[in-house]
PDB file of N, CA and C in Angstrom:
ATOM      1  N   MET A   1      45.427   5.622 145.833  1.00  0.00           N
ATOM      2  CA  MET A   1      44.344   5.134 147.171  1.00  0.00           C
ATOM      3  C   MET A   1      43.647   3.635 146.953  1.00  0.00           C
ATOM      4  N   THR A   2      43.502   2.939 148.058  1.00  0.00           N
ATOM      5  CA  THR A   2      43.010   1.544 147.976  1.00  0.00           C
ATOM      6  C   THR A   2      41.364   2.081 147.335  1.00  0.00           C
ATOM      7  N   LEU A   3      40.332   1.108 147.500  1.00  0.00           N
ATOM      8  CA  LEU A   3      38.868   0.617 147.275  1.00  0.00           C
ATOM      9  C   LEU A   3      38.611  -0.226 148.440  1.00  0.00           C
ATOM     10  N   GLU A   4      38.462   0.824 148.809  1.00  0.00           N
ATOM     11  CA  GLU A   4      37.943  -0.343 150.522  1.00  0.00           C
ATOM     12  C   GLU A   4      35.941  -0.179 149.873  1.00  0.00           C
ATOM     13  N   LEU A   5      35.672  -1.315 149.691  1.00  0.00           N
ATOM     14  CA  LEU A   5      34.181  -1.691 149.975  1.00  0.00           C
ATOM     15  C   LEU A   5      33.610  -2.406 151.005  1.00  0.00           C
ATOM     16  N   ASP A   6      33.810  -1.825 152.110  1.00  0.00           N
ATOM     17  CA  ASP A   6      33.346  -1.998 153.295  1.00  0.00           C
ATOM     18  C   ASP A   6      32.098  -1.407 153.276  1.00  0.00           C
ATOM     19  N   VAL A   7      30.754  -1.949 153.136  1.00  0.00           N
ATOM     20  CA  VAL A   7      29.558  -1.606 153.507  1.00  0.00           C
ATOM     21  C   VAL A   7      28.648  -0.591 155.200  1.00  0.00           C
ATOM     22  N   THR A   8      29.683  -1.438 155.743  1.00  0.00           N
ATOM     23  CA  THR A   8      29.603  -0.403 157.619  1.00  0.00           C
ATOM     24  C   THR A   8      30.126   1.046 157.244  1.00  0.00           C
ATOM     25  N   GLN A   9      31.004   0.447 156.552  1.00  0.00           N
ATOM     26  CA  GLN A   9      31.999   2.089 156.550  1.00  0.00           C
ATOM     27  C   GLN A   9      31.027   3.114 155.347  1.00  0.00           C
ATOM     28  N   ARG A  10      30.891   2.674 154.655  1.00  0.00           N
ATOM     29  CA  ARG A  10      29.538   3.264 152.937  1.00  0.00           C
ATOM     30  C   ARG A  10      28.633   3.831 153.888  1.00  0.00           C
ATOM     31  N   THR A  11      27.707   3.073 154.665  1.00  0.00           N
ATOM     32  CA  THR A  11      26.670   3.565 155.826  1.00  0.00           C
ATOM     33  C   THR A  11      27.014   4.479 156.861  1.00  0.00           C
ATOM     34  N   ARG A  12      27.886   4.387 157.266  1.00  0.00           N
ATOM     35  CA  ARG A  12      28.227   5.724 158.493  1.00  0.00           C
ATOM     36  C   ARG A  12      28.712   7.350 157.585  1.00  0.00           C
ATOM     37  N   ILE A  13      29.394   6.751 156.300  1.00  0.00           N
ATOM     38  CA  ILE A  13      29.605   8.030 155.780  1.00  0.00           C
ATOM     39  C   ILE A  13      28.476   8.404 155.172  1.00  0.00           C
ATOM     40  N   VAL A  14      27.628   8.136 154.594  1.00  0.00           N
ATOM     41  CA  VAL A  14      26.274   8.178 153.883  1.00  0.00           C
ATOM     42  C   VAL A  14      25.854   8.639 154.923  1.00  0.00           C
ATOM     43  N   THR A  15      25.644   8.060 155.646  1.00  0.00           N
ATOM     44  CA  THR A  15      24.374   8.657 156.813  1.00  0.00           C
ATOM     45  C   THR A  15      25.166   9.986 157.943  1.00  0.00           C
ATOM     46  N   ALA A  16      26.428   9.842 157.581  1.00  0.00           N
ATOM     47  CA  ALA A  16      27.420  11.705 158.149  1.00  0.00           C
ATOM     48  C   ALA A  16      27.087  12.798 156.877  1.00  0.00           C
ATOM     49  N   VAL A  17      27.371  12.254 155.748  1.00  0.00           N
ATOM     50  CA  VAL A  17      27.408  13.172 154.802  1.00  0.00           C
ATOM     51  C   VAL A  17      25.615  13.943 154.759  1.00  0.00           C
ATOM     52  N   VAL A  18      24.304  13.035 154.556  1.00  0.00           N
ATOM     53  CA  VAL A  18      22.935  13.452 154.652  1.00  0.00           C
ATOM     54  C   VAL A  18      22.857  14.062 155.823  1.00  0.00           C
ATOM     55  N   ASP A  19      23.751  14.060 157.037  1.00  0.00           N
ATOM     56  CA  ASP A  19      22.776  15.119 158.405  1.00  0.00           C
ATOM     57  C   ASP A  19      23.809  15.843 157.953  1.00  0.00           C
ATOM     58  N   ALA A  20      25.547  16.449 157.799  1.00  0.00           N
ATOM     59  CA  ALA A  20      26.248  17.452 156.861  1.00  0.00           C
ATOM     60  C   ALA A  20      25.593  18.674 155.780  1.00  0.00           C
ATOM     61  N   LEU A  21      25.063  17.506 155.102  1.00  0.00           N
ATOM     62  CA  LEU A  21      24.293  18.687 154.303  1.00  0.00           C
ATOM     63  C   LEU A  21      22.989  19.352 154.684  1.00  0.00           C
ATOM     64  N   GLN A  22      21.950  18.087 155.116  1.00  0.00           N
ATOM     65  CA  GLN A  22      21.043  18.311 156.101  1.00  0.00           C
ATOM     66  C   GLN A  22      21.470  20.075 156.984  1.00  0.00           C
ATOM     67  N   GLN A  23      21.982  19.929 157.821  1.00  0.00           N
ATOM     68  CA  GLN A  23      23.016  20.782 158.643  1.00  0.00           C
ATOM     69  C   GLN A  23      23.624  22.680 157.896  1.00  0.00           C
ATOM     70  N   ALA A  24      23.472  21.767 156.942  1.00  0.00           N
ATOM     71  CA  ALA A  24      24.460  23.120 155.874  1.00  0.00           C
ATOM     72  C   ALA A  24      23.678  24.510 155.770  1.00  0.00           C
ATOM     73  N   LEU A  25      22.471  23.492 155.173  1.00  0.00           N
ATOM     74  CA  LEU A  25      21.734  25.062 155.026  1.00  0.00           C
ATOM     75  C   LEU A  25      20.226  24.940 155.910  1.00  0.00           C
ATOM     76  N   THR A  26      19.257  25.987 156.413  1.00  0.00           N
ATOM     77  CA  THR A  26      18.339  25.879 157.562  1.00  0.00           C
ATOM     78  C   THR A  26      17.422  25.835 156.036  1.00  0.00           C
ATOM     79  N   GLY A  27      16.436  24.534 156.823  1.00  0.00           N
ATOM     80  CA  GLY A  27      15.509  24.133 155.505  1.00  0.00           C
ATOM     81  C   GLY A  27      15.947  23.392 154.709  1.00  0.00           C
ATOM     82  N   SER A  28      17.007  23.063 154.403  1.00  0.00           N
ATOM     83  CA  SER A  28      17.169  22.183 153.049  1.00  0.00           C
ATOM     84  C   SER A  28      17.095  20.465 153.769  1.00  0.00           C
ATOM     85  N   THR A  29      16.941  19.755 152.693  1.00  0.00           N
ATOM     86  CA  THR A  29      16.870  18.006 153.385  1.00  0.00           C
ATOM     87  C   THR A  29      17.515  17.161 151.686  1.00  0.00           C
ATOM     88  N   CYS A  30      18.139  16.337 152.828  1.00  0.00           N
ATOM     89  CA  CYS A  30      19.222  15.072 151.340  1.00  0.00           C
ATOM     90  C   CYS A  30      18.237  13.752 152.169  1.00  0.00           C
ATOM     91  N   CYS A  31      18.859  13.258 150.703  1.00  0.00           N
ATOM     92  CA  CYS A  31      18.020  11.369 150.977  1.00  0.00           C
ATOM     93  C   CYS A  31      18.513  10.922 149.901  1.00  0.00           C
ATOM     94  N   LEU A  32      18.934   9.918 150.816  1.00  0.00           N
ATOM     95  CA  LEU A  32      19.183   8.689 149.320  1.00  0.00           C
ATOM     96  C   LEU A  32      17.754   8.949 148.582  1.00  0.00           C
ATOM     97  N   ARG A  33      18.831   8.058 146.705  1.00  0.00           N
ATOM     98  CA  ARG A  33      18.141   8.007 145.999  1.00  0.00           C
ATOM     99  C   ARG A  33      18.646   6.236 145.146  1.00  0.00           C
ATOM    100  N   GLY A  34      18.120   6.306 144.430  1.00  0.00           N
ATOM    101  CA  GLY A  34      18.674   4.864 143.242  1.00  0.00           C
ATOM    102  C   GLY A  34      18.828   4.108 144.497  1.00  0.00           C
ATOM    103  N   SER A  35      19.857   2.772 144.483  1.00  0.00           N
ATOM    104  CA  SER A  35      19.715   1.715 144.812  1.00  0.00           C
ATOM    105  C   SER A  35      19.912   1.433 146.202  1.00  0.00           C
ATOM    106  N   LEU A  36      20.545   2.580 147.159  1.00  0.00           N
ATOM    107  CA  LEU A  36      20.421   2.168 148.042  1.00  0.00           C
ATOM    108  C   LEU A  36      18.830   2.558 149.274  1.00  0.00           C
ATOM    109  N   ALA A  37      18.285   3.763 148.920  1.00  0.00           N
ATOM    110  CA  ALA A  37      17.189   3.394 148.941  1.00  0.00           C
ATOM    111  C   ALA A  37      16.132   2.967 148.756  1.00  0.00           C
ATOM    112  N   ALA A  38      16.505   2.123 147.379  1.00  0.00           N
ATOM    113  CA  ALA A  38      15.207   0.826 147.340  1.00  0.00           C
ATOM    114  C   ALA A  38      15.864  -0.617 148.232  1.00  0.00           C
ATOM    115  N   GLY A  39      16.901  -0.056 148.746  1.00  0.00           N
ATOM    116  CA  GLY A  39      17.113  -1.354 149.618  1.00  0.00           C
ATOM    117  C   GLY A  39      18.333  -2.480 148.197  1.00  0.00           C
ATOM    118  N   SER A  40      18.573  -2.438 147.082  1.00  0.00           N
ATOM    119  CA  SER A  40      18.886  -3.383 146.140  1.00  0.00           C
ATOM    120  C   SER A  40      20.406  -2.970 146.048  1.00  0.00           C
ATOM    121  N   ALA A  41      20.862  -2.286 146.969  1.00  0.00           N
ATOM    122  CA  ALA A  41      22.829  -1.802 146.455  1.00  0.00           C
ATOM    123  C   ALA A  41      23.291  -3.300 146.917  1.00  0.00           C
ATOM    124  N   ASP A  42      24.628  -3.219 145.931  1.00  0.00           N
ATOM    125  CA  ASP A  42      25.811  -4.203 146.545  1.00  0.00           C
ATOM    126  C   ASP A  42      26.820  -4.090 147.030  1.00  0.00           C
ATOM    127  N   ASP A  43      28.070  -4.616 147.071  1.00  0.00           N
ATOM    128  CA  ASP A  43      29.172  -4.076 147.327  1.00  0.00           C
ATOM    129  C   ASP A  43      29.779  -2.499 146.549  1.00  0.00           C
ATOM    130  N   TYR A  44      29.178  -2.658 145.106  1.00  0.00           N
ATOM    131  CA  TYR A  44      30.050  -1.808 144.039  1.00  0.00           C
ATOM    132  C   TYR A  44      29.118  -0.522 143.666  1.00  0.00           C
ATOM    133  N   SER A  45      27.924  -0.900 144.393  1.00  0.00           N
ATOM    134  CA  SER A  45      27.018   0.815 143.902  1.00  0.00           C
ATOM    135  C   SER A  45      27.340   2.040 144.728  1.00  0.00           C
ATOM    136  N   ASP A  46      27.008   2.382 143.847  1.00  0.00           N
ATOM    137  CA  ASP A  46      26.971   4.210 143.603  1.00  0.00           C
ATOM    138  C   ASP A  46      26.492   4.494 145.081  1.00  0.00           C
ATOM    139  N   ILE A  47      27.157   5.970 145.330  1.00  0.00           N
ATOM    140  CA  ILE A  47      26.057   6.302 146.427  1.00  0.00           C
ATOM    141  C   ILE A  47      25.266   7.502 145.917  1.00  0.00           C
ATOM    142  N   ASP A  48      24.023   7.911 145.290  1.00  0.00           N
ATOM    143  CA  ASP A  48      23.424   8.346 145.148  1.00  0.00           C
ATOM    144  C   ASP A  48      22.661   9.663 146.297  1.00  0.00           C
ATOM    145  N   LEU A  49      23.146  10.897 146.056  1.00  0.00           N
ATOM    146  CA  LEU A  49      21.850  11.288 146.713  1.00  0.00           C
ATOM    147  C   LEU A  49      21.348  12.382 146.266  1.00  0.00           C
ATOM    148  N   GLN A  50      20.347  12.991 147.132  1.00  0.00           N
ATOM    149  CA  GLN A  50      19.196  14.511 146.597  1.00  0.00           C
ATOM    150  C   GLN A  50      19.465  15.242 147.708  1.00  0.00           C
ATOM    151  N   TRP A  51      20.103  16.715 147.749  1.00  0.00           N
ATOM    152  CA  TRP A  51      19.778  17.598 148.155  1.00  0.00           C
ATOM    153  C   TRP A  51      19.822  18.713 148.413  1.00  0.00           C
ATOM    154  N   THR A  52      18.083  18.642 148.341  1.00  0.00           N
ATOM    155  CA  THR A  52      16.918  19.858 148.272  1.00  0.00           C
ATOM    156  C   THR A  52      17.322  21.995 148.962  1.00  0.00           C
ATOM    157  N   VAL A  53      17.395  22.869 147.664  1.00  0.00           N
ATOM    158  CA  VAL A  53      17.612  24.054 148.446  1.00  0.00           C
ATOM    159  C   VAL A  53      17.216  24.698 148.064  1.00  0.00           C
ATOM    160  N   ALA A  54      16.700  26.005 148.406  1.00  0.00           N
ATOM    161  CA  ALA A  54      15.850  26.784 148.400  1.00  0.00           C
ATOM    162  C   ALA A  54      16.562  27.617 147.306  1.00  0.00           C
ATOM    163  N   VAL A  55      15.900  28.084 146.257  1.00  0.00           N
ATOM    164  CA  VAL A  55      16.538  28.602 144.788  1.00  0.00           C
ATOM    165  C   VAL A  55      17.084  29.968 145.467  1.00  0.00           C
ATOM    166  N   ALA A  56      16.499  30.553 146.674  1.00  0.00           N
ATOM    167  CA  ALA A  56      17.681  31.195 146.552  1.00  0.00           C
ATOM    168  C   ALA A  56      18.917  31.491 147.195  1.00  0.00           C
ATOM    169  N   GLU A  57      19.219  30.025 147.891  1.00  0.00           N
ATOM    170  CA  GLU A  57      20.647  29.475 148.821  1.00  0.00           C
ATOM    171  C   GLU A  57      20.549  29.040 147.149  1.00  0.00           C
ATOM    172  N   PHE A  58      20.714  28.120 145.887  1.00  0.00           N
ATOM    173  CA  PHE A  58      21.355  27.358 145.531  1.00  0.00           C
ATOM    174  C   PHE A  58      22.625  27.541 145.418  1.00  0.00           C
ATOM    175  N   GLY A  59      22.617  29.216 145.294  1.00  0.00           N
ATOM    176  CA  GLY A  59      24.592  29.062 144.164  1.00  0.00           C
ATOM    177  C   GLY A  59      25.217  28.930 145.720  1.00  0.00           C
ATOM    178  N   ASP A  60      24.983  29.967 146.531  1.00  0.00           N
ATOM    179  CA  ASP A  60      25.651  29.455 147.947  1.00  0.00           C
ATOM    180  C   ASP A  60      26.181  28.304 148.325  1.00  0.00           C
ATOM    181  N   ALA A  61      24.908  27.060 147.888  1.00  0.00           N
ATOM    182  CA  ALA A  61      25.251  25.879 148.477  1.00  0.00           C
ATOM    183  C   ALA A  61      26.406  25.712 147.458  1.00  0.00           C
ATOM    184  N   CYS A  62      25.846  25.383 146.219  1.00  0.00           N
ATOM    185  CA  CYS A  62      26.772  25.331 145.048  1.00  0.00           C
ATOM    186  C   CYS A  62      28.194  25.108 145.867  1.00  0.00           C
ATOM    187  N   ARG A  63      28.393  26.737 145.865  1.00  0.00           N
ATOM    188  CA  ARG A  63      30.071  27.462 146.121  1.00  0.00           C
ATOM    189  C   ARG A  63      30.355  26.637 147.305  1.00  0.00           C
ATOM    190  N   ALA A  64      29.934  26.070 148.516  1.00  0.00           N
ATOM    191  CA  ALA A  64      30.361  25.800 149.670  1.00  0.00           C
ATOM    192  C   ALA A  64      29.969  24.369 150.042  1.00  0.00           C
ATOM    193  N   LEU A  65      29.157  23.730 149.301  1.00  0.00           N
ATOM    194  CA  LEU A  65      29.370  22.046 149.028  1.00  0.00           C
ATOM    195  C   LEU A  65      30.241  21.054 149.324  1.00  0.00           C
ATOM    196  N   ALA A  66      32.196  21.622 148.525  1.00  0.00           N
ATOM    197  CA  ALA A  66      33.267  20.777 149.070  1.00  0.00           C
ATOM    198  C   ALA A  66      33.761  21.867 150.530  1.00  0.00           C
ATOM    199  N   THR A  67      32.995  21.783 150.897  1.00  0.00           N
ATOM    200  CA  THR A  67      33.545  22.968 152.233  1.00  0.00           C
ATOM    201  C   THR A  67      32.072  21.835 153.328  1.00  0.00           C
ATOM    202  N   HIS A  68      31.234  21.540 152.929  1.00  0.00           N
ATOM    203  CA  HIS A  68      30.484  21.009 153.820  1.00  0.00           C
ATOM    204  C   HIS A  68      30.842  19.825 154.066  1.00  0.00           C
ATOM    205  N   LEU A  69      31.802  19.150 152.730  1.00  0.00           N
ATOM    206  CA  LEU A  69      31.991  17.455 152.175  1.00  0.00           C
ATOM    207  C   LEU A  69      33.067  17.204 153.461  1.00  0.00           C
ATOM    208  N   THR A  70      34.416  18.207 153.496  1.00  0.00           N
ATOM    209  CA  THR A  70      34.993  17.816 153.670  1.00  0.00           C
ATOM    210  C   THR A  70      35.490  17.548 155.056  1.00  0.00           C
ATOM    211  N   ARG A  71      33.930  18.817 155.844  1.00  0.00           N
ATOM    212  CA  ARG A  71      34.038  18.337 157.240  1.00  0.00           C
ATOM    213  C   ARG A  71      33.721  17.004 157.413  1.00  0.00           C
ATOM    214  N   VAL A  72      33.218  15.772 156.879  1.00  0.00           N
ATOM    215  CA  VAL A  72      32.509  14.555 156.611  1.00  0.00           C
ATOM    216  C   VAL A  72      33.440  13.655 157.537  1.00  0.00           C
ATOM    217  N   GLU A  73      34.190  13.185 158.726  1.00  0.00           N
ATOM    218  CA  GLU A  73      35.400  12.849 158.798  1.00  0.00           C
ATOM    219  C   GLU A  73      35.121  10.844 157.741  1.00  0.00           C
ATOM    220  N   ARG A  74      35.948  10.395 157.995  1.00  0.00           N
ATOM    221  CA  ARG A  74      36.145   9.051 156.815  1.00  0.00           C
ATOM    222  C   ARG A  74      36.598   8.501 157.882  1.00  0.00           C
TER     223      ARG A  74
END
């Protein structure tokens, strides 16, 4: 796999992942954390997200996470 450091592509993927996770479970929220949220990211910065779900949904959210992420198009 080739390492792609395209900030525009990263932004598009981050937006798609945040949207997918928020839509995955009613009432859940997903937001950026770290350097991307602070506006101090560079080309090599990782993507830090916080996905908040209800306690009762936690197990289902963990089991379905990979499925939700595979729906995001690159």
